[in-house]
C-alpha atoms as a PDB file:
ATOM      1  CA  MET A   1      76.772  99.970  98.911  1.00  0.00           C
ATOM      2  CA  ARG A   2      76.967 103.771  99.229  1.00  0.00           C
ATOM      3  CA  SER A   3      78.054 103.492 102.867  1.00  0.00           C
ATOM      4  CA  PHE A   4      80.792 101.054 101.856  1.00  0.00           C
ATOM      5  CA  LEU A   5      81.934 103.387  99.059  1.00  0.00           C
ATOM      6  CA  LEU A   6      82.046 106.446 101.364  1.00  0.00           C
ATOM      7  CA  ALA A   7      83.890 104.533 104.092  1.00  0.00           C
ATOM      8  CA  THR A   8      86.440 103.325 101.530  1.00  0.00           C
ATOM      9  CA  ILE A   9      86.980 106.853 100.194  1.00  0.00           C
ATOM     10  CA  PHE A  10      87.458 108.347 103.693  1.00  0.00           C
ATOM     11  CA  LEU A  11      89.806 105.540 104.727  1.00  0.00           C
ATOM     12  CA  PHE A  12      91.865 105.942 101.553  1.00  0.00           C
ATOM     13  CA  ALA A  13      91.950 109.744 101.874  1.00  0.00           C
ATOM     14  CA  GLY A  14      93.185 109.517 105.468  1.00  0.00           C
ATOM     15  CA  SER A  15      95.876 106.973 104.689  1.00  0.00           C
ATOM     16  CA  THR A  16      97.102 108.875 101.633  1.00  0.00           C
ATOM     17  CA  ALA A  17      97.293 112.108 103.622  1.00  0.00           C
ATOM     18  CA  ALA A  18      99.480 110.356 106.193  1.00  0.00           C
ATOM     19  CA  VAL A  19     101.643 108.788 103.491  1.00  0.00           C
ATOM     20  CA  ALA A  20     101.874 112.068 101.565  1.00  0.00           C
ATOM     21  CA  GLN A  21     103.471 113.710 104.620  1.00  0.00           C
ATOM     22  CA  GLU A  22     106.218 111.080 104.591  1.00  0.00           C
ATOM     23  CA  SER A  23     106.695 110.792 100.834  1.00  0.00           C
ATOM     24  CA  SER A  24     108.846 113.007  98.698  1.00  0.00           C
ATOM     25  CA  LYS A  25     106.973 112.963  95.388  1.00  0.00           C
ATOM     26  CA  GLY A  26     103.978 111.890  93.390  1.00  0.00           C
ATOM     27  CA  ASP A  27     102.127 112.649  90.196  1.00  0.00           C
ATOM     28  CA  VAL A  28      98.804 113.634  88.683  1.00  0.00           C
ATOM     29  CA  GLY A  29      97.730 112.250  85.323  1.00  0.00           C
ATOM     30  CA  ALA A  30      94.973 113.124  82.860  1.00  0.00           C
ATOM     31  CA  THR A  31      94.182 110.506  80.217  1.00  0.00           C
ATOM     32  CA  TYR A  32      91.901 109.881  77.283  1.00  0.00           C
ATOM     33  CA  GLU A  33      90.398 106.395  77.687  1.00  0.00           C
ATOM     34  CA  TRP A  34      88.687 104.010  75.310  1.00  0.00           C
ATOM     35  CA  VAL A  35      86.871 100.989  76.756  1.00  0.00           C
ATOM     36  CA  ARG A  36      85.880  97.887  74.825  1.00  0.00           C
ATOM     37  CA  ALA A  37      82.788  97.026  76.863  1.00  0.00           C
ATOM     38  CA  ASN A  38      81.225  93.580  77.103  1.00  0.00           C
ATOM     39  CA  ALA A  39      77.631  94.131  78.190  1.00  0.00           C
ATOM     40  CA  GLY A  40      75.998  90.778  77.643  1.00  0.00           C
ATOM     41  CA  PRO A  41      77.053  87.171  78.235  1.00  0.00           C
ATOM     42  CA  GLY A  42      77.172  84.576  75.463  1.00  0.00           C
ATOM     43  CA  GLN A  43      77.624  86.460  72.228  1.00  0.00           C
ATOM     44  CA  CYS A  44      79.986  89.388  72.577  1.00  0.00           C
ATOM     45  CA  GLY A  45      77.541  92.278  72.657  1.00  0.00           C
ATOM     46  CA  CYS A  46      80.710  94.385  72.591  1.00  0.00           C
ATOM     47  CA  PHE A  47      80.849  98.101  71.914  1.00  0.00           C
ATOM     48  CA  GLY A  48      83.285 100.972  72.375  1.00  0.00           C
ATOM     49  CA  MET A  49      83.073 103.732  74.960  1.00  0.00           C
ATOM     50  CA  ASN A  50      85.021 107.010  75.006  1.00  0.00           C
ATOM     51  CA  GLY A  51      85.954 109.068  78.026  1.00  0.00           C
ATOM     52  CA  GLY A  52      88.728 110.204  80.289  1.00  0.00           C
ATOM     53  CA  GLY A  53      90.287 109.797  83.667  1.00  0.00           C
ATOM     54  CA  LEU A  54      92.198 111.596  86.389  1.00  0.00           C
ATOM     55  CA  SER A  55      94.640 109.785  88.621  1.00  0.00           C
ATOM     56  CA  ALA A  56      96.958 110.789  91.429  1.00  0.00           C
ATOM     57  CA  SER A  57      99.730 108.761  92.979  1.00  0.00           C
ATOM     58  CA  TRP A  58     101.868 109.221  96.074  1.00  0.00           C
ATOM     59  CA  ASN A  59     105.211 107.426  96.334  1.00  0.00           C
ATOM     60  CA  PHE A  60     105.546 105.746  99.705  1.00  0.00           C
ATOM     61  CA  HIS A  61     108.456 103.362  99.227  1.00  0.00           C
ATOM     62  CA  ASP A  62     111.074 103.341  96.495  1.00  0.00           C
ATOM     63  CA  ARG A  63     109.110 102.021  93.462  1.00  0.00           C
ATOM     64  CA  TRP A  64     105.717 101.659  95.193  1.00  0.00           C
ATOM     65  CA  SER A  65     102.908 104.246  95.052  1.00  0.00           C
ATOM     66  CA  LEU A  66      99.341 104.531  96.297  1.00  0.00           C
ATOM     67  CA  VAL A  67      96.971 105.472  93.467  1.00  0.00           C
ATOM     68  CA  ALA A  68      93.521 107.071  93.353  1.00  0.00           C
ATOM     69  CA  ASP A  69      91.694 107.096  90.015  1.00  0.00           C
ATOM     70  CA  ILE A  70      88.396 108.586  88.839  1.00  0.00           C
ATOM     71  CA  SER A  71      87.290 107.903  85.283  1.00  0.00           C
ATOM     72  CA  ALA A  72      84.178 108.169  83.143  1.00  0.00           C
ATOM     73  CA  GLN A  73      83.278 106.662  79.780  1.00  0.00           C
ATOM     74  CA  ASN A  74      80.151 107.026  77.656  1.00  0.00           C
ATOM     75  CA  ALA A  75      78.555 105.249  74.693  1.00  0.00           C
ATOM     76  CA  ASN A  76      75.504 106.565  72.865  1.00  0.00           C
ATOM     77  CA  GLY A  77      73.432 103.991  71.019  1.00  0.00           C
ATOM     78  CA  ALA A  78      75.091 100.921  72.567  1.00  0.00           C
ATOM     79  CA  PRO A  79      74.268  98.080  70.146  1.00  0.00           C
ATOM     80  CA  THR A  80      73.058  95.664  72.828  1.00  0.00           C
ATOM     81  CA  ALA A  81      70.055  97.782  73.763  1.00  0.00           C
ATOM     82  CA  GLY A  82      70.075 100.764  71.421  1.00  0.00           C
ATOM     83  CA  SER A  83      70.498 103.207  74.300  1.00  0.00           C
ATOM     84  CA  SER A  84      73.240 105.042  76.156  1.00  0.00           C
ATOM     85  CA  LEU A  85      75.594 103.870  78.874  1.00  0.00           C
ATOM     86  CA  THR A  86      77.813 105.950  81.148  1.00  0.00           C
ATOM     87  CA  LEU A  87      80.309 104.328  83.534  1.00  0.00           C
ATOM     88  CA  VAL A  88      81.957 106.373  86.289  1.00  0.00           C
ATOM     89  CA  SER A  89      84.523 104.530  88.403  1.00  0.00           C
ATOM     90  CA  TYR A  90      86.129 105.422  91.732  1.00  0.00           C
ATOM     91  CA  LEU A  91      89.164 103.209  92.260  1.00  0.00           C
ATOM     92  CA  ALA A  92      92.226 103.049  94.531  1.00  0.00           C
ATOM     93  CA  GLY A  93      95.160 100.713  94.785  1.00  0.00           C
ATOM     94  CA  ALA A  94      98.882 100.270  94.297  1.00  0.00           C
ATOM     95  CA  ARG A  95     101.309 100.967  91.454  1.00  0.00           C
ATOM     96  CA  TYR A  96     104.776  99.495  91.008  1.00  0.00           C
ATOM     97  CA  ARG A  97     107.349 101.224  88.775  1.00  0.00           C
ATOM     98  CA  LEU A  98     109.241  98.481  86.970  1.00  0.00           C
ATOM     99  CA  PRO A  99     113.031  98.716  86.773  1.00  0.00           C
ATOM    100  CA  GLN A 100     114.253  98.868  83.200  1.00  0.00           C
ATOM    101  CA  PRO A 101     118.010  98.748  82.616  1.00  0.00           C
ATOM    102  CA  TRP A 102     117.802  98.567  78.823  1.00  0.00           C
ATOM    103  CA  PHE A 103     117.457 102.343  78.150  1.00  0.00           C
ATOM    104  CA  GLU A 104     119.625 105.244  79.283  1.00  0.00           C
ATOM    105  CA  GLY A 105     119.102 109.000  79.454  1.00  0.00           C
ATOM    106  CA  LYS A 106     116.602 111.461  80.863  1.00  0.00           C
ATOM    107  CA  HIS A 107     113.837 110.439  78.424  1.00  0.00           C
ATOM    108  CA  LYS A 108     113.982 106.708  79.116  1.00  0.00           C
ATOM    109  CA  PRO A 109     110.568 104.981  79.291  1.00  0.00           C
ATOM    110  CA  GLU A 110     109.187 104.260  82.766  1.00  0.00           C
ATOM    111  CA  PRO A 111     106.952 101.144  82.718  1.00  0.00           C
ATOM    112  CA  PHE A 112     104.523 100.477  85.571  1.00  0.00           C
ATOM    113  CA  ALA A 113     102.028  97.849  86.727  1.00  0.00           C
ATOM    114  CA  GLN A 114      98.982  98.580  88.891  1.00  0.00           C
ATOM    115  CA  VAL A 115      96.037  96.989  90.667  1.00  0.00           C
ATOM    116  CA  LEU A 116      93.000  99.163  91.443  1.00  0.00           C
ATOM    117  CA  VAL A 117      89.739  98.229  93.191  1.00  0.00           C
ATOM    118  CA  GLY A 118      86.632 100.187  94.114  1.00  0.00           C
ATOM    119  CA  ALA A 119      83.189 100.956  92.787  1.00  0.00           C
ATOM    120  CA  THR A 120      81.674 101.960  89.488  1.00  0.00           C
ATOM    121  CA  HIS A 121      78.384 103.711  88.806  1.00  0.00           C
ATOM    122  CA  ALA A 122      76.381 102.964  85.678  1.00  0.00           C
ATOM    123  CA  GLY A 123      73.652 105.071  84.187  1.00  0.00           C
ATOM    124  CA  GLY A 124      71.641 104.759  81.016  1.00  0.00           C
ATOM    125  CA  GLY A 125      69.454 102.106  79.462  1.00  0.00           C
ATOM    126  CA  VAL A 126      72.043  99.291  79.279  1.00  0.00           C
ATOM    127  CA  ALA A 127      73.354  99.204  82.833  1.00  0.00           C
ATOM    128  CA  GLY A 128      71.421  96.839  85.066  1.00  0.00           C
ATOM    129  CA  VAL A 129      68.223  97.684  83.179  1.00  0.00           C
ATOM    130  CA  GLY A 130      68.992 101.371  83.618  1.00  0.00           C
ATOM    131  CA  ASP A 131      68.970 101.272  87.414  1.00  0.00           C
ATOM    132  CA  GLY A 132      71.970 103.585  87.844  1.00  0.00           C
ATOM    133  CA  SER A 133      73.513 101.294  90.459  1.00  0.00           C
ATOM    134  CA  TYR A 134      76.930 101.113  92.117  1.00  0.00           C
ATOM    135  CA  GLN A 135      78.844  97.855  91.831  1.00  0.00           C
ATOM    136  CA  PHE A 136      82.322  96.461  92.484  1.00  0.00           C
ATOM    137  CA  ALA A 137      84.978  97.178  89.843  1.00  0.00           C
ATOM    138  CA  SER A 138      88.665  96.450  89.442  1.00  0.00           C
ATOM    139  CA  ARG A 139      91.391  97.241  86.959  1.00  0.00           C
ATOM    140  CA  ILE A 140      94.616  95.290  86.563  1.00  0.00           C
ATOM    141  CA  GLY A 141      97.221  96.368  84.047  1.00  0.00           C
ATOM    142  CA  GLY A 142      99.937  98.869  83.417  1.00  0.00           C
ATOM    143  CA  GLY A 143     101.478 101.371  81.090  1.00  0.00           C
ATOM    144  CA  ILE A 144     104.523 103.313  79.999  1.00  0.00           C
ATOM    145  CA  ASP A 145     105.382 106.923  80.829  1.00  0.00           C
ATOM    146  CA  VAL A 146     108.062 108.793  78.864  1.00  0.00           C
ATOM    147  CA  PRO A 147     109.523 111.866  80.646  1.00  0.00           C
ATOM    148  CA  LEU A 148     109.407 115.082  78.635  1.00  0.00           C
ATOM    149  CA  SER A 149     111.029 117.201  81.378  1.00  0.00           C
ATOM    150  CA  SER A 150     111.611 116.993  85.132  1.00  0.00           C
ATOM    151  CA  ARG A 151     107.922 117.855  85.729  1.00  0.00           C
ATOM    152  CA  PHE A 152     106.015 116.387  82.765  1.00  0.00           C
ATOM    153  CA  ALA A 153     105.752 112.955  81.184  1.00  0.00           C
ATOM    154  CA  LEU A 154     103.732 111.518  78.333  1.00  0.00           C
ATOM    155  CA  ARG A 155     101.712 108.410  79.163  1.00  0.00           C
ATOM    156  CA  ILE A 156     102.113 106.820  75.744  1.00  0.00           C
ATOM    157  CA  VAL A 157      99.995 103.790  76.588  1.00  0.00           C
ATOM    158  CA  GLN A 158      97.979 102.317  79.425  1.00  0.00           C
ATOM    159  CA  VAL A 159      96.195  98.961  79.082  1.00  0.00           C
ATOM    160  CA  ASP A 160      93.981  97.522  81.851  1.00  0.00           C
ATOM    161  CA  TYR A 161      91.666  94.550  82.228  1.00  0.00           C
ATOM    162  CA  TYR A 162      88.546  96.284  83.606  1.00  0.00           C
ATOM    163  CA  LEU A 163      86.108  94.059  85.528  1.00  0.00           C
ATOM    164  CA  THR A 164      82.618  95.322  86.415  1.00  0.00           C
ATOM    165  CA  THR A 165      79.864  93.370  88.189  1.00  0.00           C
ATOM    166  CA  PHE A 166      76.541  94.730  86.955  1.00  0.00           C
ATOM    167  CA  ALA A 167      73.443  92.518  86.775  1.00  0.00           C
ATOM    168  CA  ASN A 168      73.109  90.830  83.384  1.00  0.00           C
ATOM    169  CA  SER A 169      70.815  87.883  84.219  1.00  0.00           C
ATOM    170  CA  THR A 170      73.553  85.277  83.649  1.00  0.00           C
ATOM    171  CA  ASN A 171      76.833  85.724  85.521  1.00  0.00           C
ATOM    172  CA  ASP A 172      76.716  89.369  86.693  1.00  0.00           C
ATOM    173  CA  HIS A 173      80.174  90.369  85.481  1.00  0.00           C
ATOM    174  CA  GLN A 174      81.605  92.083  82.442  1.00  0.00           C
ATOM    175  CA  ASN A 175      85.128  91.626  81.095  1.00  0.00           C
ATOM    176  CA  ASN A 176      86.165  94.971  79.619  1.00  0.00           C
ATOM    177  CA  LEU A 177      89.410  96.309  78.151  1.00  0.00           C
ATOM    178  CA  LEU A 178      90.590  99.869  78.871  1.00  0.00           C
ATOM    179  CA  VAL A 179      93.214 101.547  76.665  1.00  0.00           C
ATOM    180  CA  GLY A 180      94.420 105.060  77.413  1.00  0.00           C
ATOM    181  CA  ALA A 181      97.049 107.742  76.827  1.00  0.00           C
ATOM    182  CA  GLY A 182      97.658 111.162  78.324  1.00  0.00           C
ATOM    183  CA  ILE A 183      99.886 113.593  80.181  1.00  0.00           C
ATOM    184  CA  VAL A 184     101.417 113.280  83.672  1.00  0.00           C
ATOM    185  CA  PHE A 185     102.633 116.039  85.996  1.00  0.00           C
ATOM    186  CA  HIS A 186     105.259 115.080  88.642  1.00  0.00           C
ATOM    187  CA  TRP A 187     105.888 117.012  91.828  1.00  0.00           C
ATOM    188  CA  SER A 188     108.448 116.720  94.607  1.00  0.00           C
ATOM    189  CA  ARG A 189     109.034 118.404  97.946  1.00  0.00           C
END
């Protein structure tokens, strides 16, 4: 799994470097993230996790961007096992900026939708019996950015369905919800 993760990272880094040379702008975002985690099958076994994320996107065609995202969330005393859990995800994918003709002006909201796939690492007593393993993860969702100036925007909301595939002795997947907000810095050539 580590070889697959490293190959994916190098492939993505090479393709984004090539795209970045052709593109005219992109952004970097820092967000606070809260995850409603679903550790066990059957009864919910749900608990909240707090953390943050960094993302970077490179526009390659009109409304389309390539996105790289690294995020980490932690819960101490997770109710399902009474121990801690830390998730660190390494994801990449595509983002589409939705057209929105209903607002005018320089501070008009900029909605987006995105699909990210990659790997997540879990550590602590809850994750796969505390094995600290890497597994497949994906996030599908979107958000709304509101420009504050030509360089900065406020990500007022981001909501993603966050799938992880850690061993849980039943179906080996967890359906999580990620909600975030933060600040975005835009650059152009």
